[in-house]
Amino acid sequence: MSAPDKVALVTGANRGIGLEVARQLAQAGLKVVLTCRDDKKGKQAQQELASAGLAVDMRTLDVTSADSVRDLALYLRKQYGRLDILVNNAGIMLDRFEDGQPVMSIMDCDLDQVRRTMETNLYGALSLTKELLPLMKENHFGRIVNVSSGLGQISEMGAGYTGYRLSKAALNALTCMVADELSSENIIVNACCPGWVRTDMGGKNAARSVEEGADTIVWLCQSADGSVSGKLFRDREEQPW
């Protein structure tokens, strides 16, 4: 299948890493569907790419809403009849900070914020995967990239960022589960840590540009048939969970 025939969906793509992933995939010739919660911001992102000569589709999506996810799946089926690439990028970090530093004790975490974080970072990705997998299975092709974080690695787990760490560790587990279930299909599922990137979430002092943060995600989106599945990557290299 040539690149122009492929349809890629990127969540949380109105800014930051998601927008850059959408840009790079569109530059590679894929038909990109850019999604975000805010219709106005989504259209602004779409126009930004259009001004660079990149035509992308835009759909409003709330990953925490079952109806919103279902409506998107119906749209993709009607409009394109397929989905080849899913980038679960939408994510939030609501953990408490004091004087610019995360509250370290898990005893002080806000459980409501932990629940809200899990709703977006984990359940949102699970909901989209459930609804959109049929489109991949019908065409015997799929690539799912879950945008995770080193903060979710069990091998490097520490204190602080309670909700965010838990949500990304669980997203890593989901990656392994879905990859194993699809091991006999031509659907490759991996997670990616983009590193500390200069975004609204990462802050202006982060070490990496959005271009650098998007690189491994886009690389995984373009994985060849038979590539490794159910793994975590950073800088195009496999990492321990």
C-alpha atoms as a PDB file:
ATOM      1  CA  MET A   1       0.000   0.000   0.000  1.00  0.00           C
ATOM      2  CA  SER A   2       1.467   3.368  -0.976  1.00  0.00           C
ATOM      3  CA  ALA A   3       1.591   6.286   1.466  1.00  0.00           C
ATOM      4  CA  PRO A   4      -1.230   8.334  -0.163  1.00  0.00           C
ATOM      5  CA  ASP A   5      -3.611   5.415   0.407  1.00  0.00           C
ATOM      6  CA  LYS A   6      -2.977   5.391   4.151  1.00  0.00           C
ATOM      7  CA  VAL A   7      -5.110   7.222   6.687  1.00  0.00           C
ATOM      8  CA  ALA A   8      -3.526   8.330   9.971  1.00  0.00           C
ATOM      9  CA  LEU A   9      -5.360   9.624  13.047  1.00  0.00           C
ATOM     10  CA  VAL A  10      -3.492  11.729  15.608  1.00  0.00           C
ATOM     11  CA  THR A  11      -5.175  12.694  18.888  1.00  0.00           C
ATOM     12  CA  GLY A  12      -4.328  15.830  20.821  1.00  0.00           C
ATOM     13  CA  ALA A  13      -2.922  17.272  17.613  1.00  0.00           C
ATOM     14  CA  ASN A  14      -3.744  20.961  17.867  1.00  0.00           C
ATOM     15  CA  ARG A  15      -0.324  21.796  19.324  1.00  0.00           C
ATOM     16  CA  GLY A  16       2.998  20.445  20.514  1.00  0.00           C
ATOM     17  CA  ILE A  17       4.099  16.935  19.679  1.00  0.00           C
ATOM     18  CA  GLY A  18       0.720  15.932  18.229  1.00  0.00           C
ATOM     19  CA  LEU A  19       0.717  18.809  15.745  1.00  0.00           C
ATOM     20  CA  GLU A  20       4.293  18.023  14.714  1.00  0.00           C
ATOM     21  CA  VAL A  21       3.452  14.332  14.212  1.00  0.00           C
ATOM     22  CA  ALA A  22       0.500  15.365  12.041  1.00  0.00           C
ATOM     23  CA  ARG A  23       2.799  17.665  10.079  1.00  0.00           C
ATOM     24  CA  GLN A  24       5.463  15.021   9.475  1.00  0.00           C
ATOM     25  CA  LEU A  25       2.944  12.341   8.490  1.00  0.00           C
ATOM     26  CA  ALA A  26       1.266  14.734   6.070  1.00  0.00           C
ATOM     27  CA  GLN A  27       4.665  15.607   4.616  1.00  0.00           C
ATOM     28  CA  ALA A  28       5.220  11.874   4.087  1.00  0.00           C
ATOM     29  CA  GLY A  29       2.109  11.802   1.935  1.00  0.00           C
ATOM     30  CA  LEU A  30      -0.404  10.237   4.325  1.00  0.00           C
ATOM     31  CA  LYS A  31      -3.974  11.439   4.702  1.00  0.00           C
ATOM     32  CA  VAL A  32      -3.964  12.817   8.245  1.00  0.00           C
ATOM     33  CA  VAL A  33      -6.983  13.280  10.480  1.00  0.00           C
ATOM     34  CA  LEU A  34      -6.064  15.770  13.191  1.00  0.00           C
ATOM     35  CA  THR A  35      -8.196  15.673  16.340  1.00  0.00           C
ATOM     36  CA  CYS A  36      -8.531  17.733  19.509  1.00  0.00           C
ATOM     37  CA  ARG A  37     -11.194  18.675  22.035  1.00  0.00           C
ATOM     38  CA  ASP A  38     -11.515  22.325  21.032  1.00  0.00           C
ATOM     39  CA  ASP A  39     -13.007  22.884  17.576  1.00  0.00           C
ATOM     40  CA  LYS A  40     -11.552  26.403  17.260  1.00  0.00           C
ATOM     41  CA  LYS A  41      -8.039  25.296  18.190  1.00  0.00           C
ATOM     42  CA  GLY A  42      -8.321  22.330  15.847  1.00  0.00           C
ATOM     43  CA  LYS A  43      -9.249  24.572  12.931  1.00  0.00           C
ATOM     44  CA  GLN A  44      -6.354  26.894  13.759  1.00  0.00           C
ATOM     45  CA  ALA A  45      -3.958  23.948  13.642  1.00  0.00           C
ATOM     46  CA  GLN A  46      -5.500  22.772  10.386  1.00  0.00           C
ATOM     47  CA  GLN A  47      -5.023  26.247   8.905  1.00  0.00           C
ATOM     48  CA  GLU A  48      -1.421  26.362  10.118  1.00  0.00           C
ATOM     49  CA  LEU A  49      -0.666  23.181   8.206  1.00  0.00           C
ATOM     50  CA  ALA A  50      -2.650  24.381   5.201  1.00  0.00           C
ATOM     51  CA  SER A  51      -0.505  27.528   5.056  1.00  0.00           C
ATOM     52  CA  ALA A  52       2.484  25.208   4.687  1.00  0.00           C
ATOM     53  CA  GLY A  53       0.799  23.404   1.814  1.00  0.00           C
ATOM     54  CA  LEU A  54      -0.357  20.433   3.890  1.00  0.00           C
ATOM     55  CA  ALA A  55      -4.040  19.529   3.608  1.00  0.00           C
ATOM     56  CA  VAL A  56      -5.275  17.602   6.654  1.00  0.00           C
ATOM     57  CA  ASP A  57      -8.710  16.637   7.907  1.00  0.00           C
ATOM     58  CA  MET A  58      -9.826  17.900  11.326  1.00  0.00           C
ATOM     59  CA  ARG A  59     -12.370  16.370  13.713  1.00  0.00           C
ATOM     60  CA  THR A  60     -13.347  17.441  17.197  1.00  0.00           C
ATOM     61  CA  LEU A  61     -12.761  14.609  19.659  1.00  0.00           C
ATOM     62  CA  ASP A  62     -13.071  14.194  23.406  1.00  0.00           C
ATOM     63  CA  VAL A  63     -11.266  10.929  24.162  1.00  0.00           C
ATOM     64  CA  THR A  64     -13.082  10.672  27.518  1.00  0.00           C
ATOM     65  CA  SER A  65     -16.502  10.621  25.816  1.00  0.00           C
ATOM     66  CA  ALA A  66     -17.741   7.278  24.481  1.00  0.00           C
ATOM     67  CA  ASP A  67     -20.166   9.082  22.171  1.00  0.00           C
ATOM     68  CA  SER A  68     -17.420  11.309  20.762  1.00  0.00           C
ATOM     69  CA  VAL A  69     -15.146   8.326  20.101  1.00  0.00           C
ATOM     70  CA  ARG A  70     -17.998   6.363  18.506  1.00  0.00           C
ATOM     71  CA  ASP A  71     -18.942   9.301  16.278  1.00  0.00           C
ATOM     72  CA  LEU A  72     -15.341   9.543  15.099  1.00  0.00           C
ATOM     73  CA  ALA A  73     -15.236   5.840  14.243  1.00  0.00           C
ATOM     74  CA  LEU A  74     -18.439   6.197  12.222  1.00  0.00           C
ATOM     75  CA  TYR A  75     -17.025   9.210  10.389  1.00  0.00           C
ATOM     76  CA  LEU A  76     -13.808   7.395   9.472  1.00  0.00           C
ATOM     77  CA  ARG A  77     -15.755   4.429   8.167  1.00  0.00           C
ATOM     78  CA  LYS A  78     -18.050   6.602   6.064  1.00  0.00           C
ATOM     79  CA  GLN A  79     -15.400   9.037   4.832  1.00  0.00           C
ATOM     80  CA  TYR A  80     -12.434   6.740   4.251  1.00  0.00           C
ATOM     81  CA  GLY A  81     -13.515   3.162   4.875  1.00  0.00           C
ATOM     82  CA  ARG A  82     -10.240   2.484   6.645  1.00  0.00           C
ATOM     83  CA  LEU A  83      -7.766   3.543   9.305  1.00  0.00           C
ATOM     84  CA  ASP A  84      -4.130   2.539   9.024  1.00  0.00           C
ATOM     85  CA  ILE A  85      -2.357   4.481  11.763  1.00  0.00           C
ATOM     86  CA  LEU A  86      -3.539   5.529  15.226  1.00  0.00           C
ATOM     87  CA  VAL A  87      -1.366   7.802  17.368  1.00  0.00           C
ATOM     88  CA  ASN A  88      -2.728   7.969  20.917  1.00  0.00           C
ATOM     89  CA  ASN A  89      -1.077  11.258  21.818  1.00  0.00           C
ATOM     90  CA  ALA A  90      -3.796  13.070  23.785  1.00  0.00           C
ATOM     91  CA  GLY A  91      -2.632  13.422  27.365  1.00  0.00           C
ATOM     92  CA  ILE A  92      -2.793  15.610  30.454  1.00  0.00           C
ATOM     93  CA  MET A  93      -0.672  16.189  33.562  1.00  0.00           C
ATOM     94  CA  LEU A  94      -2.663  17.495  36.520  1.00  0.00           C
ATOM     95  CA  ASP A  95      -0.336  16.565  39.370  1.00  0.00           C
ATOM     96  CA  ARG A  96       0.170  19.150  42.077  1.00  0.00           C
ATOM     97  CA  PHE A  97       3.184  21.438  42.037  1.00  0.00           C
ATOM     98  CA  GLU A  98       4.576  23.737  44.726  1.00  0.00           C
ATOM     99  CA  ASP A  99       7.212  26.335  43.848  1.00  0.00           C
ATOM    100  CA  GLY A 100       7.558  24.748  40.434  1.00  0.00           C
ATOM    101  CA  GLN A 101       8.289  21.273  41.829  1.00  0.00           C
ATOM    102  CA  PRO A 102       5.966  18.245  41.901  1.00  0.00           C
ATOM    103  CA  VAL A 103       4.528  17.235  45.277  1.00  0.00           C
ATOM    104  CA  MET A 104       6.578  14.130  46.027  1.00  0.00           C
ATOM    105  CA  SER A 105       4.576  12.251  48.650  1.00  0.00           C
ATOM    106  CA  ILE A 106       1.921   9.938  47.272  1.00  0.00           C
ATOM    107  CA  MET A 107       0.057  10.653  50.518  1.00  0.00           C
ATOM    108  CA  ASP A 108      -0.543  14.195  49.267  1.00  0.00           C
ATOM    109  CA  CYS A 109      -1.819  13.334  45.797  1.00  0.00           C
ATOM    110  CA  ASP A 110      -5.291  14.480  44.707  1.00  0.00           C
ATOM    111  CA  LEU A 111      -7.297  11.351  43.895  1.00  0.00           C
ATOM    112  CA  ASP A 112      -9.768  13.273  41.758  1.00  0.00           C
ATOM    113  CA  GLN A 113      -6.884  14.508  39.627  1.00  0.00           C
ATOM    114  CA  VAL A 114      -5.479  10.982  39.394  1.00  0.00           C
ATOM    115  CA  ARG A 115      -8.867   9.730  38.160  1.00  0.00           C
ATOM    116  CA  ARG A 116      -9.135  12.527  35.588  1.00  0.00           C
ATOM    117  CA  THR A 117      -5.614  11.782  34.370  1.00  0.00           C
ATOM    118  CA  MET A 118      -6.404   8.096  33.972  1.00  0.00           C
ATOM    119  CA  GLU A 119      -9.608   8.941  32.076  1.00  0.00           C
ATOM    120  CA  THR A 120      -7.639  10.787  29.396  1.00  0.00           C
ATOM    121  CA  ASN A 121      -4.230   9.120  29.320  1.00  0.00           C
ATOM    122  CA  LEU A 122      -5.335   5.497  29.696  1.00  0.00           C
ATOM    123  CA  TYR A 123      -9.066   5.030  29.176  1.00  0.00           C
ATOM    124  CA  GLY A 124      -9.070   7.436  26.227  1.00  0.00           C
ATOM    125  CA  ALA A 125      -6.434   5.366  24.448  1.00  0.00           C
ATOM    126  CA  LEU A 126      -8.269   2.142  25.302  1.00  0.00           C
ATOM    127  CA  SER A 127     -11.601   3.511  24.053  1.00  0.00           C
ATOM    128  CA  LEU A 128     -10.111   4.634  20.736  1.00  0.00           C
ATOM    129  CA  THR A 129      -8.277   1.360  20.256  1.00  0.00           C
ATOM    130  CA  LYS A 130     -11.479  -0.645  20.841  1.00  0.00           C
ATOM    131  CA  GLU A 131     -13.545   1.445  18.442  1.00  0.00           C
ATOM    132  CA  LEU A 132     -10.976   1.775  15.653  1.00  0.00           C
ATOM    133  CA  LEU A 133      -9.395  -1.678  15.562  1.00  0.00           C
ATOM    134  CA  PRO A 134     -12.187  -3.102  13.354  1.00  0.00           C
ATOM    135  CA  LEU A 135     -11.185  -0.673  10.580  1.00  0.00           C
ATOM    136  CA  MET A 136      -7.614  -1.941  10.773  1.00  0.00           C
ATOM    137  CA  LYS A 137      -8.585  -5.598  10.918  1.00  0.00           C
ATOM    138  CA  GLU A 138     -10.845  -5.324   7.885  1.00  0.00           C
ATOM    139  CA  ASN A 139      -7.931  -4.055   5.805  1.00  0.00           C
ATOM    140  CA  HIS A 140      -5.336  -6.351   7.403  1.00  0.00           C
ATOM    141  CA  PHE A 141      -3.062  -3.450   8.251  1.00  0.00           C
ATOM    142  CA  GLY A 142      -2.495  -1.233  11.253  1.00  0.00           C
ATOM    143  CA  ARG A 143       0.040   0.684  13.281  1.00  0.00           C
ATOM    144  CA  ILE A 144      -0.805   1.893  16.798  1.00  0.00           C
ATOM    145  CA  VAL A 145       1.612   4.179  18.626  1.00  0.00           C
ATOM    146  CA  ASN A 146       0.884   5.029  22.251  1.00  0.00           C
ATOM    147  CA  VAL A 147       2.735   8.160  23.351  1.00  0.00           C
ATOM    148  CA  SER A 148       4.066   7.263  26.783  1.00  0.00           C
ATOM    149  CA  SER A 149       6.797   8.662  29.014  1.00  0.00           C
ATOM    150  CA  GLY A 150       9.931   7.655  30.875  1.00  0.00           C
ATOM    151  CA  LEU A 151       7.984   8.663  33.983  1.00  0.00           C
ATOM    152  CA  GLY A 152       5.878   5.550  33.419  1.00  0.00           C
ATOM    153  CA  GLN A 153       8.777   3.102  33.176  1.00  0.00           C
ATOM    154  CA  ILE A 154       8.712   0.613  36.064  1.00  0.00           C
ATOM    155  CA  SER A 155      12.471   0.159  35.649  1.00  0.00           C
ATOM    156  CA  GLU A 156      12.972   3.861  36.471  1.00  0.00           C
ATOM    157  CA  MET A 157       9.944   4.491  38.674  1.00  0.00           C
ATOM    158  CA  GLY A 158      10.250   7.152  41.360  1.00  0.00           C
ATOM    159  CA  ALA A 159       8.100   9.450  43.454  1.00  0.00           C
ATOM    160  CA  GLY A 160       6.171  12.482  42.257  1.00  0.00           C
ATOM    161  CA  TYR A 161       3.840  13.004  39.293  1.00  0.00           C
ATOM    162  CA  THR A 162       1.546  10.353  40.841  1.00  0.00           C
ATOM    163  CA  GLY A 163      -1.357  10.494  38.392  1.00  0.00           C
ATOM    164  CA  TYR A 164       0.829  10.946  35.333  1.00  0.00           C
ATOM    165  CA  ARG A 165       3.215   8.121  36.281  1.00  0.00           C
ATOM    166  CA  LEU A 166       0.359   5.721  37.017  1.00  0.00           C
ATOM    167  CA  SER A 167      -1.436   6.566  33.781  1.00  0.00           C
ATOM    168  CA  LYS A 168       1.651   6.078  31.614  1.00  0.00           C
ATOM    169  CA  ALA A 169       2.675   2.848  33.368  1.00  0.00           C
ATOM    170  CA  ALA A 170      -0.836   1.547  32.700  1.00  0.00           C
ATOM    171  CA  LEU A 171      -0.628   2.737  29.079  1.00  0.00           C
ATOM    172  CA  ASN A 172       2.554   0.708  28.728  1.00  0.00           C
ATOM    173  CA  ALA A 173       0.723  -2.352  30.035  1.00  0.00           C
ATOM    174  CA  LEU A 174      -2.121  -1.719  27.591  1.00  0.00           C
ATOM    175  CA  THR A 175       0.432  -1.586  24.767  1.00  0.00           C
ATOM    176  CA  CYS A 176       1.710  -5.061  25.681  1.00  0.00           C
ATOM    177  CA  MET A 177      -1.804  -6.478  26.011  1.00  0.00           C
ATOM    178  CA  VAL A 178      -3.050  -5.170  22.655  1.00  0.00           C
ATOM    179  CA  ALA A 179       0.151  -6.208  20.875  1.00  0.00           C
ATOM    180  CA  ASP A 180      -0.145  -9.749  22.219  1.00  0.00           C
ATOM    181  CA  GLU A 181      -3.800 -10.034  21.235  1.00  0.00           C
ATOM    182  CA  LEU A 182      -2.970  -8.877  17.708  1.00  0.00           C
ATOM    183  CA  SER A 183       0.207 -10.939  17.293  1.00  0.00           C
ATOM    184  CA  SER A 184      -1.311 -12.905  14.409  1.00  0.00           C
ATOM    185  CA  GLU A 185      -2.548  -9.769  12.631  1.00  0.00           C
ATOM    186  CA  ASN A 186      -0.606  -7.288  10.540  1.00  0.00           C
ATOM    187  CA  ILE A 187      -1.194  -4.674  13.256  1.00  0.00           C
ATOM    188  CA  ILE A 188       1.916  -3.464  15.071  1.00  0.00           C
ATOM    189  CA  VAL A 189       1.484  -1.826  18.484  1.00  0.00           C
ATOM    190  CA  ASN A 190       4.249   0.012  20.324  1.00  0.00           C
ATOM    191  CA  ALA A 191       4.751   2.728  22.913  1.00  0.00           C
ATOM    192  CA  CYS A 192       7.126   5.643  22.661  1.00  0.00           C
ATOM    193  CA  CYS A 193       8.808   8.053  25.067  1.00  0.00           C
ATOM    194  CA  PRO A 194       9.415  11.312  23.160  1.00  0.00           C
ATOM    195  CA  GLY A 195      11.677  12.659  25.883  1.00  0.00           C
ATOM    196  CA  TRP A 196      11.498  16.037  27.628  1.00  0.00           C
ATOM    197  CA  VAL A 197      10.111  18.282  24.894  1.00  0.00           C
ATOM    198  CA  ARG A 198       9.535  22.037  24.734  1.00  0.00           C
ATOM    199  CA  THR A 199       5.722  22.040  24.774  1.00  0.00           C
ATOM    200  CA  ASP A 200       3.088  23.578  27.027  1.00  0.00           C
ATOM    201  CA  MET A 201       3.428  20.484  29.209  1.00  0.00           C
ATOM    202  CA  GLY A 202       7.205  20.147  29.035  1.00  0.00           C
ATOM    203  CA  GLY A 203       7.960  23.840  29.490  1.00  0.00           C
ATOM    204  CA  LYS A 204      10.398  26.181  27.791  1.00  0.00           C
ATOM    205  CA  ASN A 205      13.445  24.724  29.538  1.00  0.00           C
ATOM    206  CA  ALA A 206      12.967  21.224  28.115  1.00  0.00           C
ATOM    207  CA  ALA A 207      15.912  19.735  26.251  1.00  0.00           C
ATOM    208  CA  ARG A 208      14.189  18.732  23.016  1.00  0.00           C
ATOM    209  CA  SER A 209      12.356  20.429  20.172  1.00  0.00           C
ATOM    210  CA  VAL A 210       8.965  19.182  19.033  1.00  0.00           C
ATOM    211  CA  GLU A 211      10.653  17.900  15.860  1.00  0.00           C
ATOM    212  CA  GLU A 212      12.932  15.706  17.961  1.00  0.00           C
ATOM    213  CA  GLY A 213      10.032  14.591  20.150  1.00  0.00           C
ATOM    214  CA  ALA A 214       7.969  13.558  17.139  1.00  0.00           C
ATOM    215  CA  ASP A 215      10.736  11.655  15.343  1.00  0.00           C
ATOM    216  CA  THR A 216      10.396   8.216  16.947  1.00  0.00           C
ATOM    217  CA  ILE A 217       6.600   8.397  16.891  1.00  0.00           C
ATOM    218  CA  VAL A 218       6.585   9.008  13.133  1.00  0.00           C
ATOM    219  CA  TRP A 219       9.214   6.293  12.666  1.00  0.00           C
ATOM    220  CA  LEU A 220       7.012   3.773  14.479  1.00  0.00           C
ATOM    221  CA  CYS A 221       4.013   4.843  12.392  1.00  0.00           C
ATOM    222  CA  GLN A 222       5.959   3.784   9.317  1.00  0.00           C
ATOM    223  CA  SER A 223       7.050   0.383  10.666  1.00  0.00           C
ATOM    224  CA  ALA A 224       7.439  -2.281   7.988  1.00  0.00           C
ATOM    225  CA  ASP A 225       5.351  -5.447   8.065  1.00  0.00           C
ATOM    226  CA  GLY A 226       6.856  -7.944  10.486  1.00  0.00           C
ATOM    227  CA  SER A 227       8.456  -5.285  12.692  1.00  0.00           C
ATOM    228  CA  VAL A 228       8.714  -5.788  16.437  1.00  0.00           C
ATOM    229  CA  SER A 229       5.511  -5.173  18.400  1.00  0.00           C
ATOM    230  CA  GLY A 230       4.645  -4.673  22.057  1.00  0.00           C
ATOM    231  CA  LYS A 231       7.762  -2.681  22.941  1.00  0.00           C
ATOM    232  CA  LEU A 232       8.741   0.732  24.310  1.00  0.00           C
ATOM    233  CA  PHE A 233      11.027   2.967  22.247  1.00  0.00           C
ATOM    234  CA  ARG A 234      13.018   6.147  22.763  1.00  0.00           C
ATOM    235  CA  ASP A 235      15.229   7.652  20.061  1.00  0.00           C
ATOM    236  CA  ARG A 236      14.307   4.703  17.804  1.00  0.00           C
ATOM    237  CA  GLU A 237      15.844   2.267  20.300  1.00  0.00           C
ATOM    238  CA  GLU A 238      14.004  -0.281  22.435  1.00  0.00           C
ATOM    239  CA  GLN A 239      13.823   0.555  26.146  1.00  0.00           C
ATOM    240  CA  PRO A 240      13.127  -1.543  29.263  1.00  0.00           C
ATOM    241  CA  TRP A 241       9.610  -1.321  30.645  1.00  0.00           C
END
